[in-house]
N, C-alpha and C. Protein backbone atom coordinates (compact mmCIF):
# COMPACT_ATOMS: atom_id res chain seq x y z
N UNK A 1 5.71 29.48 30.47
CA UNK A 1 5.27 28.71 28.95
C UNK A 1 5.75 29.85 27.64
N UNK A 2 5.63 31.03 27.92
CA UNK A 2 6.14 32.13 27.53
C UNK A 2 7.79 32.15 27.06
N UNK A 3 8.40 31.70 27.32
CA UNK A 3 10.22 31.05 27.60
C UNK A 3 10.09 30.28 26.09
N UNK A 4 9.69 29.43 25.87
CA UNK A 4 9.99 28.79 25.24
C UNK A 4 8.68 28.84 24.05
N UNK A 5 8.00 29.63 23.58
CA UNK A 5 6.92 30.89 22.64
C UNK A 5 7.36 30.41 21.32
N UNK A 6 8.77 31.08 21.44
CA UNK A 6 9.55 31.34 19.66
C UNK A 6 9.56 29.77 19.00
N UNK A 7 9.55 29.08 19.75
CA UNK A 7 9.81 27.22 18.74
C UNK A 7 8.00 27.22 18.92
N UNK A 8 8.16 26.64 17.29
CA UNK A 8 6.75 26.32 16.59
C UNK A 8 6.35 24.73 17.30
N UNK A 9 6.03 24.46 18.61
CA UNK A 9 5.68 23.19 18.74
C UNK A 9 4.59 22.67 18.34
N UNK A 10 4.70 21.50 17.46
CA UNK A 10 3.76 20.59 16.72
C UNK A 10 4.03 19.18 17.64
N UNK A 11 2.79 18.75 17.18
CA UNK A 11 2.65 17.37 17.95
C UNK A 11 3.95 16.43 17.00
N UNK A 12 4.18 16.24 15.92
CA UNK A 12 5.84 15.62 15.72
C UNK A 12 6.93 15.94 16.42
N UNK A 13 6.61 17.53 16.36
CA UNK A 13 8.12 17.95 17.29
C UNK A 13 8.50 17.85 18.83
N UNK A 14 7.22 17.70 19.24
CA UNK A 14 7.05 17.03 20.50
C UNK A 14 7.55 15.85 21.26
N UNK A 15 6.60 14.92 19.83
CA UNK A 15 6.38 13.41 19.74
C UNK A 15 8.10 12.94 20.20
N UNK A 16 8.80 13.56 18.68
CA UNK A 16 10.53 13.59 18.42
C UNK A 16 11.13 13.56 19.45
N UNK A 17 11.02 14.70 20.43
CA UNK A 17 11.81 15.64 21.30
C UNK A 17 11.59 14.48 23.08
N UNK A 18 10.27 13.71 22.13
CA UNK A 18 10.42 13.03 23.97
C UNK A 18 10.40 11.37 23.68
N UNK A 19 10.62 11.00 22.14
CA UNK A 19 10.95 9.84 21.88
C UNK A 19 12.27 10.08 21.91
N UNK A 20 13.23 10.89 21.99
CA UNK A 20 14.40 10.98 21.95
C UNK A 20 15.19 11.11 23.41
N UNK A 21 14.22 11.69 24.28
CA UNK A 21 15.12 11.82 25.83
C UNK A 21 14.26 10.39 26.56
N UNK A 22 13.31 9.64 25.94
CA UNK A 22 13.01 8.19 26.59
C UNK A 22 14.65 7.35 26.17
N UNK A 23 14.60 7.74 24.56
CA UNK A 23 15.46 7.11 24.00
C UNK A 23 17.35 6.91 25.24
N UNK A 24 16.95 8.08 24.86
CA UNK A 24 18.50 8.87 26.36
C UNK A 24 18.53 7.59 27.57
N UNK A 25 17.24 8.01 27.90
CA UNK A 25 16.96 7.32 29.37
C UNK A 25 16.95 6.07 29.04
N UNK A 26 16.35 5.38 28.44
CA UNK A 26 17.13 3.49 28.34
C UNK A 26 18.20 3.53 28.12
N UNK A 27 19.01 4.40 26.95
CA UNK A 27 20.62 3.92 27.01
C UNK A 27 21.11 4.02 28.17
N UNK A 28 20.89 4.81 28.78
CA UNK A 28 21.79 5.13 30.00
C UNK A 28 21.46 4.36 31.22
N UNK A 29 20.07 3.73 30.96
CA UNK A 29 19.62 2.61 31.87
C UNK A 29 20.68 1.42 31.28
N UNK A 30 20.74 1.31 30.28
CA UNK A 30 20.91 -0.64 29.79
C UNK A 30 22.58 -0.12 30.00
N UNK A 31 23.42 0.90 29.78
CA UNK A 31 24.61 0.99 29.87
C UNK A 31 25.23 0.80 31.51
N UNK A 32 24.24 1.03 32.48
CA UNK A 32 24.12 1.10 34.25
C UNK A 32 23.80 -0.62 34.10
N UNK A 33 23.08 -0.88 33.44
CA UNK A 33 22.71 -2.34 33.82
C UNK A 33 23.30 -3.60 32.81
N UNK A 34 23.66 -3.32 31.84
CA UNK A 34 24.46 -4.27 31.02
C UNK A 34 25.73 -3.46 30.41
N UNK A 35 26.73 -3.82 30.80
CA UNK A 35 27.57 -2.72 30.52
C UNK A 35 28.24 -3.06 29.12
N UNK A 36 28.63 -1.95 28.34
CA UNK A 36 28.57 -2.11 26.66
C UNK A 36 29.81 -2.86 26.36
N UNK A 37 29.76 -3.56 25.22
CA UNK A 37 30.72 -4.22 24.82
C UNK A 37 30.71 -4.09 23.09
N UNK A 38 32.07 -3.43 22.76
CA UNK A 38 32.10 -3.43 21.59
C UNK A 38 32.35 -4.52 20.84
N UNK A 39 31.56 -4.31 19.49
CA UNK A 39 31.32 -5.52 18.37
C UNK A 39 31.57 -4.88 17.28
N UNK A 40 32.03 -5.62 16.11
CA UNK A 40 32.44 -5.45 14.73
C UNK A 40 31.47 -6.00 14.17
N UNK A 41 31.24 -4.89 13.15
CA UNK A 41 29.74 -5.22 12.21
C UNK A 41 29.68 -5.23 10.99
N UNK A 42 29.45 -4.67 10.26
CA UNK A 42 29.46 -4.80 8.81
C UNK A 42 30.58 -3.20 8.48
N UNK A 43 30.35 -2.65 9.16
CA UNK A 43 31.92 -1.43 9.14
C UNK A 43 33.60 -1.80 8.89
N UNK A 44 33.17 -2.72 9.59
CA UNK A 44 34.66 -3.84 9.86
C UNK A 44 34.95 -2.46 10.93
N UNK A 45 34.39 -1.63 12.00
CA UNK A 45 34.99 -1.44 13.13
C UNK A 45 34.22 -1.10 14.27
N UNK A 46 35.43 -1.45 15.18
CA UNK A 46 34.26 -1.83 16.80
C UNK A 46 33.46 -0.63 17.31
N UNK A 47 32.18 -1.22 17.30
CA UNK A 47 31.28 0.04 17.79
C UNK A 47 30.36 -0.32 18.89
N UNK A 48 29.82 0.84 19.58
CA UNK A 48 29.50 0.67 21.00
C UNK A 48 27.62 0.93 20.74
N UNK A 49 26.51 0.19 21.94
CA UNK A 49 25.37 0.56 21.52
C UNK A 49 25.27 2.45 21.02
N UNK A 50 26.15 3.25 22.18
CA UNK A 50 25.94 4.88 21.78
C UNK A 50 26.11 5.10 20.16
N UNK A 51 27.53 4.15 20.23
CA UNK A 51 27.42 4.62 18.52
C UNK A 51 26.59 4.48 17.43
N UNK A 52 26.57 2.93 17.96
CA UNK A 52 24.81 3.23 16.97
C UNK A 52 23.88 3.60 16.74
N UNK A 53 23.77 4.03 17.91
CA UNK A 53 22.38 5.03 18.15
C UNK A 53 22.94 6.51 17.65
N UNK A 54 24.17 6.98 17.75
CA UNK A 54 24.18 8.00 17.08
C UNK A 54 24.16 8.27 15.38
N UNK A 55 25.07 6.71 15.12
CA UNK A 55 24.61 6.41 13.66
C UNK A 55 23.12 6.13 13.29
N UNK A 56 22.34 5.98 14.08
CA UNK A 56 20.84 5.46 13.43
C UNK A 56 20.41 7.20 13.79
N UNK A 57 21.14 8.22 14.35
CA UNK A 57 20.28 9.12 15.08
C UNK A 57 20.95 10.40 13.62
N UNK A 58 22.30 10.23 12.93
CA UNK A 58 22.36 11.44 11.60
C UNK A 58 21.90 10.96 10.68
N UNK A 59 21.59 9.04 10.43
CA UNK A 59 20.92 8.21 9.19
C UNK A 59 19.69 8.88 9.32
N UNK A 60 18.81 9.43 10.50
CA UNK A 60 17.35 9.41 10.70
C UNK A 60 17.00 11.24 9.69
N UNK A 61 18.16 11.93 10.14
CA UNK A 61 18.22 13.13 9.99
C UNK A 61 18.68 13.40 8.35
N UNK A 62 19.44 12.33 7.69
CA UNK A 62 19.30 12.77 6.57
C UNK A 62 18.06 11.92 5.81
N UNK A 63 17.10 10.86 6.44
CA UNK A 63 16.02 10.78 5.60
C UNK A 63 15.18 11.51 5.63
N UNK A 64 15.15 12.20 6.63
CA UNK A 64 14.34 13.23 7.20
C UNK A 64 14.73 14.07 6.00
N UNK A 65 15.64 15.15 5.72
CA UNK A 65 15.83 15.95 5.08
C UNK A 65 15.87 15.68 3.43
N UNK A 66 16.03 14.61 3.21
CA UNK A 66 15.83 13.86 1.57
C UNK A 66 14.28 13.75 1.41
N UNK A 67 13.66 13.36 1.92
CA UNK A 67 12.15 13.09 2.07
C UNK A 67 11.39 14.03 1.66
N UNK A 68 11.90 15.52 2.61
CA UNK A 68 11.39 16.88 2.09
C UNK A 68 12.08 17.23 1.33
N UNK A 69 13.33 17.14 0.70
CA UNK A 69 13.29 17.85 -0.26
C UNK A 69 12.56 16.79 -1.53
N UNK A 70 12.79 15.73 -1.68
CA UNK A 70 12.11 14.79 -2.77
C UNK A 70 11.11 14.95 -2.64
N UNK A 71 10.28 14.48 -1.74
CA UNK A 71 8.67 14.93 -1.51
C UNK A 71 7.76 15.24 -1.30
N UNK A 72 8.74 16.14 0.02
CA UNK A 72 7.44 17.37 1.04
C UNK A 72 6.60 16.49 2.28
N UNK A 73 5.83 17.77 2.00
CA UNK A 73 5.04 17.24 3.42
C UNK A 73 3.95 17.59 3.66
N UNK A 74 3.42 17.36 2.31
CA UNK A 74 2.13 17.54 2.16
C UNK A 74 1.20 16.28 3.13
N UNK A 75 -0.13 16.51 3.63
CA UNK A 75 -0.81 15.55 3.99
C UNK A 75 -1.05 14.15 2.89
N UNK A 76 -1.07 13.21 3.89
CA UNK A 76 -1.38 12.15 3.07
C UNK A 76 -2.91 11.27 3.67
N UNK A 77 -3.49 11.78 4.50
CA UNK A 77 -4.69 11.74 4.82
C UNK A 77 -5.09 12.51 5.84
N UNK A 78 -6.34 12.57 6.21
CA UNK A 78 -7.03 13.38 7.80
C UNK A 78 -8.14 12.68 8.09
N UNK A 79 -7.58 12.47 9.41
CA UNK A 79 -8.52 11.77 10.67
C UNK A 79 -9.50 12.43 10.76
N UNK A 80 -10.70 12.04 11.10
CA UNK A 80 -11.90 12.78 10.82
C UNK A 80 -12.31 13.39 12.47
N UNK A 81 -11.22 13.70 13.47
CA UNK A 81 -11.10 14.48 14.64
C UNK A 81 -11.56 15.83 14.45
N UNK A 82 -12.04 16.25 15.38
CA UNK A 82 -12.90 17.74 15.56
C UNK A 82 -13.86 18.05 14.30
N UNK A 83 -13.56 19.54 13.64
CA UNK A 83 -14.38 19.72 12.94
C UNK A 83 -13.52 19.81 11.75
N UNK A 84 -12.40 20.23 11.47
CA UNK A 84 -11.32 20.39 10.65
C UNK A 84 -10.99 19.24 9.95
N UNK A 85 -10.60 17.98 11.44
CA UNK A 85 -9.60 16.99 10.69
C UNK A 85 -8.44 16.82 11.66
N UNK A 86 -8.27 15.83 11.37
CA UNK A 86 -6.15 15.95 11.89
C UNK A 86 -5.80 15.49 10.77
N UNK A 87 -5.39 16.15 10.03
CA UNK A 87 -4.01 16.16 9.19
C UNK A 87 -2.68 15.01 9.40
N UNK A 88 -2.40 14.09 8.51
CA UNK A 88 -1.57 13.00 8.54
C UNK A 88 -0.39 13.74 7.62
N UNK A 89 0.74 14.00 8.21
CA UNK A 89 2.07 14.66 7.04
C UNK A 89 2.47 13.16 6.45
N UNK A 90 3.26 13.29 5.40
CA UNK A 90 4.11 12.39 4.26
C UNK A 90 4.99 11.77 5.64
N UNK A 91 5.79 12.72 6.46
CA UNK A 91 6.88 12.71 7.25
C UNK A 91 7.16 11.65 8.13
N UNK A 92 5.11 11.09 8.44
CA UNK A 92 5.22 9.89 9.15
C UNK A 92 5.73 8.70 8.22
N UNK A 93 5.79 8.65 7.16
CA UNK A 93 6.32 7.59 6.01
C UNK A 93 7.43 7.32 6.33
N UNK A 94 8.31 8.99 6.47
CA UNK A 94 9.89 8.99 6.60
C UNK A 94 10.34 8.89 8.03
N UNK A 95 9.69 8.66 8.95
CA UNK A 95 9.85 8.64 10.54
C UNK A 95 10.36 7.26 10.64
N UNK A 96 8.94 6.23 9.86
CA UNK A 96 8.79 4.59 9.93
C UNK A 96 9.74 4.26 9.22
N UNK A 97 10.33 4.82 8.11
CA UNK A 97 11.75 4.56 7.45
C UNK A 97 13.01 4.38 8.42
N UNK A 98 12.61 5.77 8.93
CA UNK A 98 14.12 5.50 10.44
C UNK A 98 14.23 4.77 10.74
N UNK A 99 12.81 4.71 11.59
CA UNK A 99 13.26 3.31 12.29
C UNK A 99 13.66 2.13 12.20
N UNK A 100 12.96 1.35 11.06
CA UNK A 100 13.25 0.37 10.18
C UNK A 100 15.04 0.35 9.84
N UNK A 101 15.31 1.44 9.35
CA UNK A 101 17.11 1.78 9.45
C UNK A 101 17.46 1.67 10.76
N UNK A 102 17.19 2.54 11.50
CA UNK A 102 17.80 2.03 13.22
C UNK A 102 17.81 0.64 13.45
N UNK A 103 16.88 0.36 13.18
CA UNK A 103 16.74 -1.32 14.07
C UNK A 103 17.90 -2.19 12.83
N UNK A 104 18.17 -1.90 12.12
CA UNK A 104 19.02 -2.60 11.24
C UNK A 104 20.55 -2.24 11.25
N UNK A 105 20.48 -0.69 11.65
CA UNK A 105 21.91 -0.43 12.11
C UNK A 105 22.33 -1.07 13.32
N UNK A 106 21.09 -1.38 14.48
CA UNK A 106 21.92 -1.51 15.79
C UNK A 106 21.74 -3.62 15.54
N UNK A 107 21.52 -3.92 14.20
CA UNK A 107 21.43 -5.50 14.26
C UNK A 107 22.94 -5.46 13.41
N UNK A 108 23.13 -4.81 12.27
CA UNK A 108 24.28 -5.42 11.43
C UNK A 108 25.57 -4.50 11.60
N UNK A 109 25.84 -3.06 12.42
CA UNK A 109 27.02 -2.40 12.30
C UNK A 109 27.51 -2.64 14.20
């Protein structure tokens, strides 16, 4: 574990990488079971599931960077867990917005 000690592994970071790994596994399974077919959406270009996933990930990165720049990462609540409590960052709201954006991208693009 010391080989990755240089990175600041926090709960949101771990959740992000776990969700990304699960997403890639599901996309791989979907590609094997249900072959992809290109479709044309609001962008008027043919896109596959992988294209829409890539657009969603780029949009999530932009949303999070904009959120950090405009709103910050202040705690919005503290859960009564343990002696000091567990702070919930406002970045969770940006994550929720990113999930809604990804759903819209997969439905319309």
